[in-house]
């Protein structure tokens, strides 16, 4: 998450989403839309993809709700 090396396009964006019951929302569509809007490389993960443990705890502690 934080401290990730910059890509050729500049800053890299990691998004963690909680789709809850809205499983119809396409993670790939979100990534593509944000990449087009910002010109940045984007990775999007659903919170359900993160296994319990230190990485998940760290990711959730760094999360910023938007």
Protein backbone atom coordinates (compact mmCIF):
# COMPACT_ATOMS: atom_id res chain seq x y z
CA UNK A 1 0.00 0.00 0.00
CA UNK A 2 1.94 3.08 1.16
CA UNK A 3 5.48 3.35 -0.06
CA UNK A 4 4.81 1.49 -3.30
CA UNK A 5 7.29 2.36 -6.01
CA UNK A 6 6.11 4.84 -8.59
CA UNK A 7 5.21 3.44 -11.99
CA UNK A 8 6.16 4.87 -15.36
CA UNK A 9 2.91 6.87 -15.24
CA UNK A 10 3.68 8.36 -11.81
CA UNK A 11 1.90 7.58 -8.58
CA UNK A 12 0.17 4.22 -8.31
CA UNK A 13 -3.33 4.07 -6.78
CA UNK A 14 -4.55 1.12 -4.70
CA UNK A 15 -8.28 1.04 -3.99
CA UNK A 16 -9.93 -1.24 -1.46
CA UNK A 17 -13.69 -1.50 -1.92
CA UNK A 18 -16.38 -3.12 0.14
CA UNK A 19 -19.11 -4.01 -2.32
CA UNK A 20 -21.25 -5.60 0.39
CA UNK A 21 -24.46 -6.78 -1.30
CA UNK A 22 -23.67 -4.85 -4.50
CA UNK A 23 -21.75 -7.69 -6.17
CA UNK A 24 -22.86 -6.47 -9.59
CA UNK A 25 -20.34 -3.62 -9.34
CA UNK A 26 -17.39 -4.53 -11.53
CA UNK A 27 -14.04 -4.10 -9.82
CA UNK A 28 -12.41 -4.00 -13.26
CA UNK A 29 -14.78 -1.24 -14.36
CA UNK A 30 -13.92 0.78 -11.26
CA UNK A 31 -10.20 0.36 -11.91
CA UNK A 32 -10.54 1.35 -15.55
CA UNK A 33 -12.68 4.39 -14.74
CA UNK A 34 -10.29 5.67 -12.07
CA UNK A 35 -7.28 5.05 -14.32
CA UNK A 36 -8.86 6.97 -17.18
CA UNK A 37 -9.88 9.84 -14.88
CA UNK A 38 -6.51 10.16 -13.15
CA UNK A 39 -4.00 8.89 -15.70
CA UNK A 40 -2.55 6.68 -12.96
CA UNK A 41 -2.05 2.93 -12.66
CA UNK A 42 -4.83 1.53 -10.47
CA UNK A 43 -5.33 -1.72 -8.59
CA UNK A 44 -8.73 -2.41 -7.02
CA UNK A 45 -9.38 -5.12 -4.46
CA UNK A 46 -12.56 -6.13 -2.68
CA UNK A 47 -12.14 -6.30 1.09
CA UNK A 48 -13.49 -9.86 0.93
CA UNK A 49 -10.34 -10.86 -1.00
CA UNK A 50 -8.09 -10.06 1.96
CA UNK A 51 -7.42 -12.95 4.30
CA UNK A 52 -7.48 -12.18 8.04
CA UNK A 53 -4.02 -11.27 9.29
CA UNK A 54 -1.44 -8.48 9.48
CA UNK A 55 -1.72 -7.39 5.84
CA UNK A 56 -5.52 -7.02 6.06
CA UNK A 57 -5.20 -5.21 9.38
CA UNK A 58 -2.65 -2.81 7.90
CA UNK A 59 -4.70 -2.19 4.76
CA UNK A 60 -7.83 -1.45 6.75
CA UNK A 61 -5.98 0.82 9.20
CA UNK A 62 -4.64 2.88 6.26
CA UNK A 63 -7.96 3.01 4.42
CA UNK A 64 -9.55 6.37 3.72
CA UNK A 65 -13.32 6.33 3.18
CA UNK A 66 -14.54 8.22 0.11
